[in-house]
Amino acid sequence: MMITLLLLGGLIGLGKLQSNFFISALGILSGLACLVAFPLYYILFPLSRLHATPGQMLFGLYIAPDSSKKPVTKKDFIFRGIIKILSQFFVYIFLVALFTKHKRALHDFVGHTRVVQPIYQQVS
């Protein structure tokens, strides 16, 4: 969806869909906003102490290290975010998650991470 918005904003900005200057300028601004917002969303949120995007937080998920037991480094989170953004251009890359044991996508393999739901201890 985000890539669609970016492409649509770029097309409008280039005047392919509208010849109105205001609409064209709005399209360019929306495309630039997407270029800024996506890296902030996919890289900075996981780098926070919560290790999750707002959508993951909403469902109680967070990004954890893979089975190697090493902590996830900032470099891993950055590579993971970049690959996730780039993989949105190729939607079929997300299908990898359907066929892996722990439902990990390409960006999880690159970043040595997996998205997990915390195990809560029952309080008596």
PDB file of N, CA and C in Angstrom:
ATOM      1  N   MET A   1       0.823  -1.185   0.000  1.00  0.00           N
ATOM      2  CA  MET A   1       0.000   0.000   0.000  1.00  0.00           C
ATOM      3  C   MET A   1       0.870   1.253   0.000  1.00  0.00           C
ATOM      4  N   MET A   2       1.945   1.232   0.785  1.00  0.00           N
ATOM      5  CA  MET A   2       2.791   2.420   0.875  1.00  0.00           C
ATOM      6  C   MET A   2       3.473   2.713  -0.452  1.00  0.00           C
ATOM      7  N   ILE A   3       3.915   1.659  -1.126  1.00  0.00           N
ATOM      8  CA  ILE A   3       4.564   1.863  -2.409  1.00  0.00           C
ATOM      9  C   ILE A   3       3.555   2.395  -3.420  1.00  0.00           C
ATOM     10  N   THR A   4       2.328   1.928  -3.353  1.00  0.00           N
ATOM     11  CA  THR A   4       1.274   2.433  -4.238  1.00  0.00           C
ATOM     12  C   THR A   4       1.063   3.920  -4.023  1.00  0.00           C
ATOM     13  N   LEU A   5       1.014   4.329  -2.737  1.00  0.00           N
ATOM     14  CA  LEU A   5       0.860   5.755  -2.451  1.00  0.00           C
ATOM     15  C   LEU A   5       2.043   6.556  -2.969  1.00  0.00           C
ATOM     16  N   LEU A   6       3.240   6.014  -2.813  1.00  0.00           N
ATOM     17  CA  LEU A   6       4.426   6.704  -3.290  1.00  0.00           C
ATOM     18  C   LEU A   6       4.387   6.854  -4.807  1.00  0.00           C
ATOM     19  N   LEU A   7       4.069   5.776  -5.510  1.00  0.00           N
ATOM     20  CA  LEU A   7       4.021   5.836  -6.964  1.00  0.00           C
ATOM     21  C   LEU A   7       2.905   6.750  -7.456  1.00  0.00           C
ATOM     22  N   LEU A   8       1.751   6.664  -6.804  1.00  0.00           N
ATOM     23  CA  LEU A   8       0.637   7.526  -7.181  1.00  0.00           C
ATOM     24  C   LEU A   8       0.987   8.995  -6.950  1.00  0.00           C
ATOM     25  N   GLY A   9       1.618   9.287  -5.818  1.00  0.00           N
ATOM     26  CA  GLY A   9       2.047  10.658  -5.544  1.00  0.00           C
ATOM     27  C   GLY A   9       3.050  11.136  -6.570  1.00  0.00           C
ATOM     28  N   GLY A  10       3.961  10.258  -6.974  1.00  0.00           N
ATOM     29  CA  GLY A  10       4.946  10.624  -7.985  1.00  0.00           C
ATOM     30  C   GLY A  10       4.307  10.882  -9.337  1.00  0.00           C
ATOM     31  N   LEU A  11       3.339  10.044  -9.705  1.00  0.00           N
ATOM     32  CA  LEU A  11       2.653  10.247 -10.986  1.00  0.00           C
ATOM     33  C   LEU A  11       1.865  11.551 -10.993  1.00  0.00           C
ATOM     34  N   ILE A  12       1.171  11.809  -9.901  1.00  0.00           N
ATOM     35  CA  ILE A  12       0.430  13.069  -9.812  1.00  0.00           C
ATOM     36  C   ILE A  12       1.412  14.231  -9.840  1.00  0.00           C
ATOM     37  N   GLY A  13       2.524  14.075  -9.115  1.00  0.00           N
ATOM     38  CA  GLY A  13       3.521  15.134  -9.054  1.00  0.00           C
ATOM     39  C   GLY A  13       4.144  15.439 -10.398  1.00  0.00           C
ATOM     40  N   LEU A  14       4.286  14.439 -11.213  1.00  0.00           N
ATOM     41  CA  LEU A  14       4.863  14.662 -12.533  1.00  0.00           C
ATOM     42  C   LEU A  14       3.835  15.171 -13.537  1.00  0.00           C
ATOM     43  N   GLY A  15       2.587  15.286 -13.074  1.00  0.00           N
ATOM     44  CA  GLY A  15       1.558  15.816 -13.951  1.00  0.00           C
ATOM     45  C   GLY A  15       0.987  14.790 -14.914  1.00  0.00           C
ATOM     46  N   LYS A  16       1.245  13.504 -14.653  1.00  0.00           N
ATOM     47  CA  LYS A  16       0.728  12.465 -15.545  1.00  0.00           C
ATOM     48  C   LYS A  16      -0.781  12.297 -15.389  1.00  0.00           C
ATOM     49  N   LEU A  17      -1.297  12.500 -14.184  1.00  0.00           N
ATOM     50  CA  LEU A  17      -2.724  12.314 -13.960  1.00  0.00           C
ATOM     51  C   LEU A  17      -3.501  13.620 -13.925  1.00  0.00           C
ATOM     52  N   GLN A  18      -2.851  14.735 -13.654  1.00  0.00           N
ATOM     53  CA  GLN A  18      -3.514  16.030 -13.560  1.00  0.00           C
ATOM     54  C   GLN A  18      -2.595  17.097 -14.152  1.00  0.00           C
ATOM     55  N   SER A  19      -3.179  18.068 -14.801  1.00  0.00           N
ATOM     56  CA  SER A  19      -2.376  19.174 -15.299  1.00  0.00           C
ATOM     57  C   SER A  19      -2.473  20.389 -14.378  1.00  0.00           C
ATOM     58  N   ASN A  20      -3.283  20.297 -13.347  1.00  0.00           N
ATOM     59  CA  ASN A  20      -3.450  21.374 -12.379  1.00  0.00           C
ATOM     60  C   ASN A  20      -2.173  21.497 -11.533  1.00  0.00           C
ATOM     61  N   PHE A  21      -1.626  22.707 -11.426  1.00  0.00           N
ATOM     62  CA  PHE A  21      -0.378  22.907 -10.691  1.00  0.00           C
ATOM     63  C   PHE A  21      -0.506  22.530  -9.225  1.00  0.00           C
ATOM     64  N   PHE A  22      -1.618  22.893  -8.591  1.00  0.00           N
ATOM     65  CA  PHE A  22      -1.805  22.593  -7.174  1.00  0.00           C
ATOM     66  C   PHE A  22      -1.795  21.092  -6.922  1.00  0.00           C
ATOM     67  N   ILE A  23      -2.504  20.346  -7.751  1.00  0.00           N
ATOM     68  CA  ILE A  23      -2.555  18.886  -7.606  1.00  0.00           C
ATOM     69  C   ILE A  23      -1.174  18.298  -7.852  1.00  0.00           C
ATOM     70  N   SER A  24      -0.451  18.811  -8.824  1.00  0.00           N
ATOM     71  CA  SER A  24       0.900  18.323  -9.114  1.00  0.00           C
ATOM     72  C   SER A  24       1.832  18.570  -7.936  1.00  0.00           C
ATOM     73  N   ALA A  25       1.773  19.765  -7.364  1.00  0.00           N
ATOM     74  CA  ALA A  25       2.622  20.080  -6.210  1.00  0.00           C
ATOM     75  C   ALA A  25       2.253  19.206  -5.023  1.00  0.00           C
ATOM     76  N   LEU A  26       0.974  18.974  -4.828  1.00  0.00           N
ATOM     77  CA  LEU A  26       0.521  18.104  -3.742  1.00  0.00           C
ATOM     78  C   LEU A  26       1.038  16.681  -3.935  1.00  0.00           C
ATOM     79  N   GLY A  27       1.054  16.215  -5.170  1.00  0.00           N
ATOM     80  CA  GLY A  27       1.569  14.884  -5.481  1.00  0.00           C
ATOM     81  C   GLY A  27       3.052  14.775  -5.184  1.00  0.00           C
ATOM     82  N   ILE A  28       3.811  15.793  -5.548  1.00  0.00           N
ATOM     83  CA  ILE A  28       5.255  15.787  -5.263  1.00  0.00           C
ATOM     84  C   ILE A  28       5.491  15.787  -3.760  1.00  0.00           C
ATOM     85  N   LEU A  29       4.747  16.608  -3.031  1.00  0.00           N
ATOM     86  CA  LEU A  29       4.911  16.655  -1.575  1.00  0.00           C
ATOM     87  C   LEU A  29       4.526  15.330  -0.918  1.00  0.00           C
ATOM     88  N   SER A  30       3.478  14.686  -1.404  1.00  0.00           N
ATOM     89  CA  SER A  30       3.083  13.406  -0.816  1.00  0.00           C
ATOM     90  C   SER A  30       4.125  12.334  -1.116  1.00  0.00           C
ATOM     91  N   GLY A  31       4.692  12.358  -2.300  1.00  0.00           N
ATOM     92  CA  GLY A  31       5.765  11.413  -2.630  1.00  0.00           C
ATOM     93  C   GLY A  31       6.987  11.629  -1.756  1.00  0.00           C
ATOM     94  N   LEU A  32       7.363  12.882  -1.539  1.00  0.00           N
ATOM     95  CA  LEU A  32       8.511  13.179  -0.667  1.00  0.00           C
ATOM     96  C   LEU A  32       8.220  12.801   0.781  1.00  0.00           C
ATOM     97  N   ALA A  33       6.987  13.032   1.221  1.00  0.00           N
ATOM     98  CA  ALA A  33       6.613  12.645   2.586  1.00  0.00           C
ATOM     99  C   ALA A  33       6.743  11.137   2.777  1.00  0.00           C
ATOM    100  N   CYS A  34       6.365  10.370   1.766  1.00  0.00           N
ATOM    101  CA  CYS A  34       6.500   8.915   1.843  1.00  0.00           C
ATOM    102  C   CYS A  34       7.964   8.506   1.903  1.00  0.00           C
ATOM    103  N   LEU A  35       8.811   9.191   1.127  1.00  0.00           N
ATOM    104  CA  LEU A  35      10.237   8.862   1.150  1.00  0.00           C
ATOM    105  C   LEU A  35      10.859   9.115   2.518  1.00  0.00           C
ATOM    106  N   VAL A  36      10.324  10.058   3.256  1.00  0.00           N
ATOM    107  CA  VAL A  36      10.827  10.359   4.600  1.00  0.00           C
ATOM    108  C   VAL A  36      10.163   9.463   5.639  1.00  0.00           C
ATOM    109  N   ALA A  37       8.871   9.237   5.496  1.00  0.00           N
ATOM    110  CA  ALA A  37       8.117   8.513   6.524  1.00  0.00           C
ATOM    111  C   ALA A  37       8.456   7.027   6.571  1.00  0.00           C
ATOM    112  N   PHE A  38       8.648   6.380   5.433  1.00  0.00           N
ATOM    113  CA  PHE A  38       8.883   4.937   5.444  1.00  0.00           C
ATOM    114  C   PHE A  38      10.153   4.556   6.192  1.00  0.00           C
ATOM    115  N   PRO A  39      11.293   5.205   5.914  1.00  0.00           N
ATOM    116  CA  PRO A  39      12.483   4.851   6.695  1.00  0.00           C
ATOM    117  C   PRO A  39      12.314   5.153   8.186  1.00  0.00           C
ATOM    118  N   LEU A  40      11.650   6.241   8.515  1.00  0.00           N
ATOM    119  CA  LEU A  40      11.427   6.537   9.928  1.00  0.00           C
ATOM    120  C   LEU A  40      10.601   5.431  10.581  1.00  0.00           C
ATOM    121  N   TYR A  41       9.589   4.971   9.883  1.00  0.00           N
ATOM    122  CA  TYR A  41       8.684   3.956  10.431  1.00  0.00           C
ATOM    123  C   TYR A  41       9.383   2.600  10.565  1.00  0.00           C
ATOM    124  N   TYR A  42      10.068   2.166   9.512  1.00  0.00           N
ATOM    125  CA  TYR A  42      10.632   0.819   9.503  1.00  0.00           C
ATOM    126  C   TYR A  42      12.018   0.710  10.119  1.00  0.00           C
ATOM    127  N   ILE A  43      12.687   1.827  10.345  1.00  0.00           N
ATOM    128  CA  ILE A  43      14.026   1.768  10.945  1.00  0.00           C
ATOM    129  C   ILE A  43      14.032   2.357  12.347  1.00  0.00           C
ATOM    130  N   LEU A  44      13.480   3.544  12.527  1.00  0.00           N
ATOM    131  CA  LEU A  44      13.571   4.184  13.843  1.00  0.00           C
ATOM    132  C   LEU A  44      12.675   3.540  14.899  1.00  0.00           C
ATOM    133  N   PHE A  45      11.467   3.141  14.548  1.00  0.00           N
ATOM    134  CA  PHE A  45      10.616   2.495  15.549  1.00  0.00           C
ATOM    135  C   PHE A  45      11.234   1.200  16.074  1.00  0.00           C
ATOM    136  N   PRO A  46      11.731   0.303  15.200  1.00  0.00           N
ATOM    137  CA  PRO A  46      12.366  -0.894  15.743  1.00  0.00           C
ATOM    138  C   PRO A  46      13.640  -0.601  16.546  1.00  0.00           C
ATOM    139  N   LEU A  47      14.293   0.513  16.271  1.00  0.00           N
ATOM    140  CA  LEU A  47      15.486   0.875  17.046  1.00  0.00           C
ATOM    141  C   LEU A  47      15.138   1.383  18.445  1.00  0.00           C
ATOM    142  N   SER A  48      13.865   1.692  18.674  1.00  0.00           N
ATOM    143  CA  SER A  48      13.467   2.184  19.989  1.00  0.00           C
ATOM    144  C   SER A  48      13.560   1.061  21.024  1.00  0.00           C
ATOM    145  N   ARG A  49      13.362   1.391  22.272  1.00  0.00           N
ATOM    146  CA  ARG A  49      13.475   0.379  23.327  1.00  0.00           C
ATOM    147  C   ARG A  49      12.361  -0.664  23.261  1.00  0.00           C
ATOM    148  N   LEU A  50      11.284  -0.367  22.542  1.00  0.00           N
ATOM    149  CA  LEU A  50      10.173  -1.317  22.408  1.00  0.00           C
ATOM    150  C   LEU A  50      10.405  -2.343  21.297  1.00  0.00           C
ATOM    151  N   HIS A  51      11.353  -2.082  20.396  1.00  0.00           N
ATOM    152  CA  HIS A  51      11.694  -2.985  19.292  1.00  0.00           C
ATOM    153  C   HIS A  51      10.471  -3.387  18.480  1.00  0.00           C
ATOM    154  N   ALA A  52       9.620  -2.428  18.143  1.00  0.00           N
ATOM    155  CA  ALA A  52       8.425  -2.729  17.368  1.00  0.00           C
ATOM    156  C   ALA A  52       7.911  -1.474  16.681  1.00  0.00           C
ATOM    157  N   THR A  53       7.209  -1.693  15.580  1.00  0.00           N
ATOM    158  CA  THR A  53       6.503  -0.596  14.924  1.00  0.00           C
ATOM    159  C   THR A  53       5.175  -0.411  15.653  1.00  0.00           C
ATOM    160  N   PRO A  54       4.492   0.704  15.446  1.00  0.00           N
ATOM    161  CA  PRO A  54       3.199   0.891  16.107  1.00  0.00           C
ATOM    162  C   PRO A  54       2.196  -0.230  15.799  1.00  0.00           C
ATOM    163  N   GLY A  55       2.197  -0.728  14.576  1.00  0.00           N
ATOM    164  CA  GLY A  55       1.297  -1.830  14.231  1.00  0.00           C
ATOM    165  C   GLY A  55       1.624  -3.097  15.007  1.00  0.00           C
ATOM    166  N   GLN A  56       2.908  -3.381  15.171  1.00  0.00           N
ATOM    167  CA  GLN A  56       3.308  -4.548  15.953  1.00  0.00           C
ATOM    168  C   GLN A  56       2.947  -4.351  17.421  1.00  0.00           C
ATOM    169  N   MET A  57       3.136  -3.136  17.924  1.00  0.00           N
ATOM    170  CA  MET A  57       2.787  -2.857  19.318  1.00  0.00           C
ATOM    171  C   MET A  57       1.294  -3.045  19.555  1.00  0.00           C
ATOM    172  N   LEU A  58       0.485  -2.649  18.580  1.00  0.00           N
ATOM    173  CA  LEU A  58      -0.957  -2.784  18.697  1.00  0.00           C
ATOM    174  C   LEU A  58      -1.368  -4.248  18.920  1.00  0.00           C
ATOM    175  N   PHE A  59      -0.652  -5.164  18.289  1.00  0.00           N
ATOM    176  CA  PHE A  59      -0.970  -6.580  18.419  1.00  0.00           C
ATOM    177  C   PHE A  59      -0.086  -7.302  19.440  1.00  0.00           C
ATOM    178  N   GLY A  60       0.703  -6.555  20.198  1.00  0.00           N
ATOM    179  CA  GLY A  60       1.520  -7.152  21.244  1.00  0.00           C
ATOM    180  C   GLY A  60       2.723  -7.915  20.720  1.00  0.00           C
ATOM    181  N   LEU A  61       3.236  -7.543  19.554  1.00  0.00           N
ATOM    182  CA  LEU A  61       4.390  -8.211  18.967  1.00  0.00           C
ATOM    183  C   LEU A  61       5.626  -7.349  19.126  1.00  0.00           C
ATOM    184  N   TYR A  62       6.790  -7.962  19.021  1.00  0.00           N
ATOM    185  CA  TYR A  62       8.036  -7.203  18.999  1.00  0.00           C
ATOM    186  C   TYR A  62       9.073  -7.973  18.203  1.00  0.00           C
ATOM    187  N   ILE A  63      10.150  -7.289  17.839  1.00  0.00           N
ATOM    188  CA  ILE A  63      11.210  -7.887  17.040  1.00  0.00           C
ATOM    189  C   ILE A  63      12.261  -8.431  17.992  1.00  0.00           C
ATOM    190  N   ALA A  64      12.569  -9.717  17.856  1.00  0.00           N
ATOM    191  CA  ALA A  64      13.514 -10.392  18.738  1.00  0.00           C
ATOM    192  C   ALA A  64      14.653 -10.984  17.907  1.00  0.00           C
ATOM    193  N   PRO A  65      15.753 -11.329  18.564  1.00  0.00           N
ATOM    194  CA  PRO A  65      16.839 -11.998  17.829  1.00  0.00           C
ATOM    195  C   PRO A  65      16.376 -13.366  17.327  1.00  0.00           C
ATOM    196  N   ASP A  66      17.010 -13.825  16.261  1.00  0.00           N
ATOM    197  CA  ASP A  66      16.677 -15.170  15.784  1.00  0.00           C
ATOM    198  C   ASP A  66      17.254 -16.202  16.754  1.00  0.00           C
ATOM    199  N   SER A  67      17.289 -17.421  16.380  1.00  0.00           N
ATOM    200  CA  SER A  67      17.691 -18.490  17.295  1.00  0.00           C
ATOM    201  C   SER A  67      19.170 -18.494  17.648  1.00  0.00           C
ATOM    202  N   SER A  68      19.945 -17.557  17.109  1.00  0.00           N
ATOM    203  CA  SER A  68      21.386 -17.540  17.382  1.00  0.00           C
ATOM    204  C   SER A  68      21.725 -17.027  18.782  1.00  0.00           C
ATOM    205  N   LYS A  69      20.746 -16.511  19.515  1.00  0.00           N
ATOM    206  CA  LYS A  69      20.906 -16.024  20.897  1.00  0.00           C
ATOM    207  C   LYS A  69      21.783 -14.782  21.009  1.00  0.00           C
ATOM    208  N   LYS A  70      22.198 -14.198  19.881  1.00  0.00           N
ATOM    209  CA  LYS A  70      22.942 -12.947  19.927  1.00  0.00           C
ATOM    210  C   LYS A  70      21.946 -11.802  19.979  1.00  0.00           C
ATOM    211  N   PRO A  71      22.262 -10.728  20.701  1.00  0.00           N
ATOM    212  CA  PRO A  71      21.347  -9.578  20.690  1.00  0.00           C
ATOM    213  C   PRO A  71      21.324  -8.928  19.301  1.00  0.00           C
ATOM    214  N   VAL A  72      20.202  -8.338  18.963  1.00  0.00           N
ATOM    215  CA  VAL A  72      20.067  -7.656  17.682  1.00  0.00           C
ATOM    216  C   VAL A  72      20.773  -6.311  17.782  1.00  0.00           C
ATOM    217  N   THR A  73      21.656  -6.050  16.860  1.00  0.00           N
ATOM    218  CA  THR A  73      22.412  -4.796  16.877  1.00  0.00           C
ATOM    219  C   THR A  73      21.672  -3.722  16.081  1.00  0.00           C
ATOM    220  N   LYS A  74      22.127  -2.481  16.237  1.00  0.00           N
ATOM    221  CA  LYS A  74      21.535  -1.383  15.465  1.00  0.00           C
ATOM    222  C   LYS A  74      21.723  -1.620  13.972  1.00  0.00           C
ATOM    223  N   LYS A  75      22.876  -2.169  13.614  1.00  0.00           N
ATOM    224  CA  LYS A  75      23.148  -2.461  12.208  1.00  0.00           C
ATOM    225  C   LYS A  75      22.131  -3.468  11.662  1.00  0.00           C
ATOM    226  N   ASP A  76      21.800  -4.484  12.456  1.00  0.00           N
ATOM    227  CA  ASP A  76      20.804  -5.472  12.034  1.00  0.00           C
ATOM    228  C   ASP A  76      19.439  -4.822  11.812  1.00  0.00           C
ATOM    229  N   PHE A  77      19.041  -3.932  12.737  1.00  0.00           N
ATOM    230  CA  PHE A  77      17.755  -3.255  12.592  1.00  0.00           C
ATOM    231  C   PHE A  77      17.736  -2.368  11.354  1.00  0.00           C
ATOM    232  N   ILE A  78      18.844  -1.688  11.078  1.00  0.00           N
ATOM    233  CA  ILE A  78      18.921  -0.800   9.910  1.00  0.00           C
ATOM    234  C   ILE A  78      18.852  -1.613   8.620  1.00  0.00           C
ATOM    235  N   PHE A  79      19.638  -2.702   8.535  1.00  0.00           N
ATOM    236  CA  PHE A  79      19.587  -3.558   7.342  1.00  0.00           C
ATOM    237  C   PHE A  79      18.196  -4.148   7.169  1.00  0.00           C
ATOM    238  N   ARG A  80      17.593  -4.575   8.271  1.00  0.00           N
ATOM    239  CA  ARG A  80      16.245  -5.156   8.228  1.00  0.00           C
ATOM    240  C   ARG A  80      15.252  -4.140   7.664  1.00  0.00           C
ATOM    241  N   GLY A  81      15.331  -2.896   8.135  1.00  0.00           N
ATOM    242  CA  GLY A  81      14.424  -1.854   7.656  1.00  0.00           C
ATOM    243  C   GLY A  81      14.618  -1.530   6.191  1.00  0.00           C
ATOM    244  N   ILE A  82      15.865  -1.447   5.769  1.00  0.00           N
ATOM    245  CA  ILE A  82      16.152  -1.136   4.359  1.00  0.00           C
ATOM    246  C   ILE A  82      15.628  -2.245   3.455  1.00  0.00           C
ATOM    247  N   ILE A  83      15.876  -3.491   3.833  1.00  0.00           N
ATOM    248  CA  ILE A  83      15.405  -4.614   3.019  1.00  0.00           C
ATOM    249  C   ILE A  83      13.875  -4.665   3.013  1.00  0.00           C
ATOM    250  N   LYS A  84      13.256  -4.353   4.143  1.00  0.00           N
ATOM    251  CA  LYS A  84      11.789  -4.361   4.184  1.00  0.00           C
ATOM    252  C   LYS A  84      11.216  -3.299   3.255  1.00  0.00           C
ATOM    253  N   ILE A  85      11.815  -2.129   3.234  1.00  0.00           N
ATOM    254  CA  ILE A  85      11.353  -1.068   2.339  1.00  0.00           C
ATOM    255  C   ILE A  85      11.563  -1.472   0.879  1.00  0.00           C
ATOM    256  N   LEU A  86      12.747  -1.997   0.555  1.00  0.00           N
ATOM    257  CA  LEU A  86      13.031  -2.395  -0.821  1.00  0.00           C
ATOM    258  C   LEU A  86      12.171  -3.572  -1.263  1.00  0.00           C
ATOM    259  N   SER A  87      11.880  -4.480  -0.340  1.00  0.00           N
ATOM    260  CA  SER A  87      11.102  -5.667  -0.720  1.00  0.00           C
ATOM    261  C   SER A  87       9.644  -5.324  -1.016  1.00  0.00           C
ATOM    262  N   GLN A  88       9.193  -4.145  -0.641  1.00  0.00           N
ATOM    263  CA  GLN A  88       7.825  -3.755  -0.965  1.00  0.00           C
ATOM    264  C   GLN A  88       7.658  -3.493  -2.463  1.00  0.00           C
ATOM    265  N   PHE A  89       8.764  -3.287  -3.169  1.00  0.00           N
ATOM    266  CA  PHE A  89       8.690  -3.150  -4.618  1.00  0.00           C
ATOM    267  C   PHE A  89       8.429  -4.503  -5.274  1.00  0.00           C
ATOM    268  N   PHE A  90       8.799  -5.579  -4.570  1.00  0.00           N
ATOM    269  CA  PHE A  90       8.635  -6.931  -5.086  1.00  0.00           C
ATOM    270  C   PHE A  90       7.768  -7.706  -4.093  1.00  0.00           C
ATOM    271  N   VAL A  91       6.474  -7.591  -4.239  1.00  0.00           N
ATOM    272  CA  VAL A  91       5.518  -8.131  -3.272  1.00  0.00           C
ATOM    273  C   VAL A  91       5.718  -9.629  -3.074  1.00  0.00           C
ATOM    274  N   TYR A  92       6.117 -10.340  -4.096  1.00  0.00           N
ATOM    275  CA  TYR A  92       6.256 -11.781  -3.979  1.00  0.00           C
ATOM    276  C   TYR A  92       7.348 -12.201  -2.993  1.00  0.00           C
ATOM    277  N   ILE A  93       8.262 -11.314  -2.649  1.00  0.00           N
ATOM    278  CA  ILE A  93       9.307 -11.646  -1.668  1.00  0.00           C
ATOM    279  C   ILE A  93       8.679 -11.941  -0.308  1.00  0.00           C
ATOM    280  N   PHE A  94       7.559 -11.303   0.003  1.00  0.00           N
ATOM    281  CA  PHE A  94       6.892 -11.569   1.274  1.00  0.00           C
ATOM    282  C   PHE A  94       6.319 -12.981   1.327  1.00  0.00           C
ATOM    283  N   LEU A  95       6.137 -13.615   0.182  1.00  0.00           N
ATOM    284  CA  LEU A  95       5.625 -14.981   0.158  1.00  0.00           C
ATOM    285  C   LEU A  95       6.603 -15.974   0.768  1.00  0.00           C
ATOM    286  N   VAL A  96       7.870 -15.594   0.890  1.00  0.00           N
ATOM    287  CA  VAL A  96       8.870 -16.444   1.530  1.00  0.00           C
ATOM    288  C   VAL A  96       8.403 -16.831   2.928  1.00  0.00           C
ATOM    289  N   ALA A  97       7.744 -15.927   3.611  1.00  0.00           N
ATOM    290  CA  ALA A  97       7.291 -16.177   4.983  1.00  0.00           C
ATOM    291  C   ALA A  97       6.295 -17.335   5.053  1.00  0.00           C
ATOM    292  N   LEU A  98       5.575 -17.598   3.987  1.00  0.00           N
ATOM    293  CA  LEU A  98       4.609 -18.698   3.995  1.00  0.00           C
ATOM    294  C   LEU A  98       5.283 -20.061   4.066  1.00  0.00           C
ATOM    295  N   PHE A  99       6.528 -20.142   3.601  1.00  0.00           N
ATOM    296  CA  PHE A  99       7.187 -21.431   3.475  1.00  0.00           C
ATOM    297  C   PHE A  99       8.337 -21.648   4.454  1.00  0.00           C
ATOM    298  N   THR A 100       8.544 -20.732   5.376  1.00  0.00           N
ATOM    299  CA  THR A 100       9.609 -20.908   6.368  1.00  0.00           C
ATOM    300  C   THR A 100       9.016 -21.384   7.687  1.00  0.00           C
ATOM    301  N   LYS A 101       9.833 -22.037   8.474  1.00  0.00           N
ATOM    302  CA  LYS A 101       9.355 -22.658   9.706  1.00  0.00           C
ATOM    303  C   LYS A 101       8.744 -21.653  10.679  1.00  0.00           C
ATOM    304  N   HIS A 102       9.400 -20.539  10.891  1.00  0.00           N
ATOM    305  CA  HIS A 102       8.932 -19.554  11.864  1.00  0.00           C
ATOM    306  C   HIS A 102       8.278 -18.349  11.202  1.00  0.00           C
ATOM    307  N   LYS A 103       7.847 -18.511   9.940  1.00  0.00           N
ATOM    308  CA  LYS A 103       7.158 -17.445   9.186  1.00  0.00           C
ATOM    309  C   LYS A 103       8.008 -16.176   9.087  1.00  0.00           C
ATOM    310  N   ARG A 104       9.298 -16.364   8.807  1.00  0.00           N
ATOM    311  CA  ARG A 104      10.215 -15.234   8.672  1.00  0.00           C
ATOM    312  C   ARG A 104      10.323 -14.827   7.214  1.00  0.00           C
ATOM    313  N   ALA A 105      10.255 -13.523   6.957  1.00  0.00           N
ATOM    314  CA  ALA A 105      10.402 -12.989   5.610  1.00  0.00           C
ATOM    315  C   ALA A 105      11.870 -12.660   5.350  1.00  0.00           C
ATOM    316  N   LEU A 106      12.160 -12.224   4.133  1.00  0.00           N
ATOM    317  CA  LEU A 106      13.543 -11.941   3.741  1.00  0.00           C
ATOM    318  C   LEU A 106      14.197 -10.936   4.667  1.00  0.00           C
ATOM    319  N   HIS A 107      13.474  -9.878   5.043  1.00  0.00           N
ATOM    320  CA  HIS A 107      14.072  -8.853   5.906  1.00  0.00           C
ATOM    321  C   HIS A 107      14.402  -9.412   7.297  1.00  0.00           C
ATOM    322  N   ASP A 108      13.692 -10.426   7.744  1.00  0.00           N
ATOM    323  CA  ASP A 108      14.017 -11.051   9.028  1.00  0.00           C
ATOM    324  C   ASP A 108      15.310 -11.857   8.929  1.00  0.00           C
ATOM    325  N   PHE A 109      15.505 -12.550   7.810  1.00  0.00           N
ATOM    326  CA  PHE A 109      16.742 -13.304   7.628  1.00  0.00           C
ATOM    327  C   PHE A 109      17.950 -12.374   7.551  1.00  0.00           C
ATOM    328  N   VAL A 110      17.814 -11.284   6.801  1.00  0.00           N
ATOM    329  CA  VAL A 110      18.918 -10.326   6.663  1.00  0.00           C
ATOM    330  C   VAL A 110      19.253  -9.678   8.002  1.00  0.00           C
ATOM    331  N   GLY A 111      18.237  -9.342   8.775  1.00  0.00           N
ATOM    332  CA  GLY A 111      18.454  -8.675  10.057  1.00  0.00           C
ATOM    333  C   GLY A 111      18.661  -9.616  11.230  1.00  0.00           C
ATOM    334  N   HIS A 112      18.706 -10.933  10.969  1.00  0.00           N
ATOM    335  CA  HIS A 112      18.872 -11.933  12.034  1.00  0.00           C
ATOM    336  C   HIS A 112      17.814 -11.750  13.122  1.00  0.00           C
ATOM    337  N   THR A 113      16.562 -11.554  12.689  1.00  0.00           N
ATOM    338  CA  THR A 113      15.484 -11.283  13.634  1.00  0.00           C
ATOM    339  C   THR A 113      14.279 -12.164  13.326  1.00  0.00           C
ATOM    340  N   ARG A 114      13.319 -12.097  14.218  1.00  0.00           N
ATOM    341  CA  ARG A 114      12.000 -12.681  14.001  1.00  0.00           C
ATOM    342  C   ARG A 114      11.014 -11.869  14.815  1.00  0.00           C
ATOM    343  N   VAL A 115       9.779 -11.854  14.394  1.00  0.00           N
ATOM    344  CA  VAL A 115       8.737 -11.125  15.118  1.00  0.00           C
ATOM    345  C   VAL A 115       8.028 -12.138  16.004  1.00  0.00           C
ATOM    346  N   VAL A 116       7.978 -11.834  17.297  1.00  0.00           N
ATOM    347  CA  VAL A 116       7.403 -12.782  18.256  1.00  0.00           C
ATOM    348  C   VAL A 116       6.380 -12.088  19.141  1.00  0.00           C
ATOM    349  N   GLN A 117       5.582 -12.912  19.766  1.00  0.00           N
ATOM    350  CA  GLN A 117       4.634 -12.423  20.757  1.00  0.00           C
ATOM    351  C   GLN A 117       5.207 -12.796  22.112  1.00  0.00           C
ATOM    352  N   PRO A 118       5.254 -11.855  23.059  1.00  0.00           N
ATOM    353  CA  PRO A 118       5.860 -12.170  24.351  1.00  0.00           C
ATOM    354  C   PRO A 118       5.077 -13.252  25.100  1.00  0.00           C
ATOM    355  N   ILE A 119       5.824 -14.033  25.855  1.00  0.00           N
ATOM    356  CA  ILE A 119       5.207 -15.062  26.692  1.00  0.00           C
ATOM    357  C   ILE A 119       4.996 -14.445  28.067  1.00  0.00           C
ATOM    358  N   TYR A 120       3.752 -14.329  28.442  1.00  0.00           N
ATOM    359  CA  TYR A 120       3.437 -13.717  29.725  1.00  0.00           C
ATOM    360  C   TYR A 120       3.409 -14.783  30.807  1.00  0.00           C
ATOM    361  N   GLN A 121       3.972 -14.446  31.951  1.00  0.00           N
ATOM    362  CA  GLN A 121       3.930 -15.372  33.088  1.00  0.00           C
ATOM    363  C   GLN A 121       2.610 -15.156  33.831  1.00  0.00           C
ATOM    364  N   GLN A 122       2.002 -16.256  34.187  1.00  0.00           N
ATOM    365  CA  GLN A 122       0.738 -16.175  34.903  1.00  0.00           C
ATOM    366  C   GLN A 122       1.013 -15.777  36.348  1.00  0.00           C
ATOM    367  N   VAL A 123       0.361 -14.736  36.789  1.00  0.00           N
ATOM    368  CA  VAL A 123       0.536 -14.244  38.162  1.00  0.00           C
ATOM    369  C   VAL A 123      -0.566 -14.849  39.014  1.00  0.00           C
ATOM    370  N   SER A 124      -0.151 -15.482  40.115  1.00  0.00           N
ATOM    371  CA  SER A 124      -1.170 -16.116  40.960  1.00  0.00           C
ATOM    372  C   SER A 124      -1.551 -15.240  42.122  1.00  0.00           C
TER     373      SER A 124
END
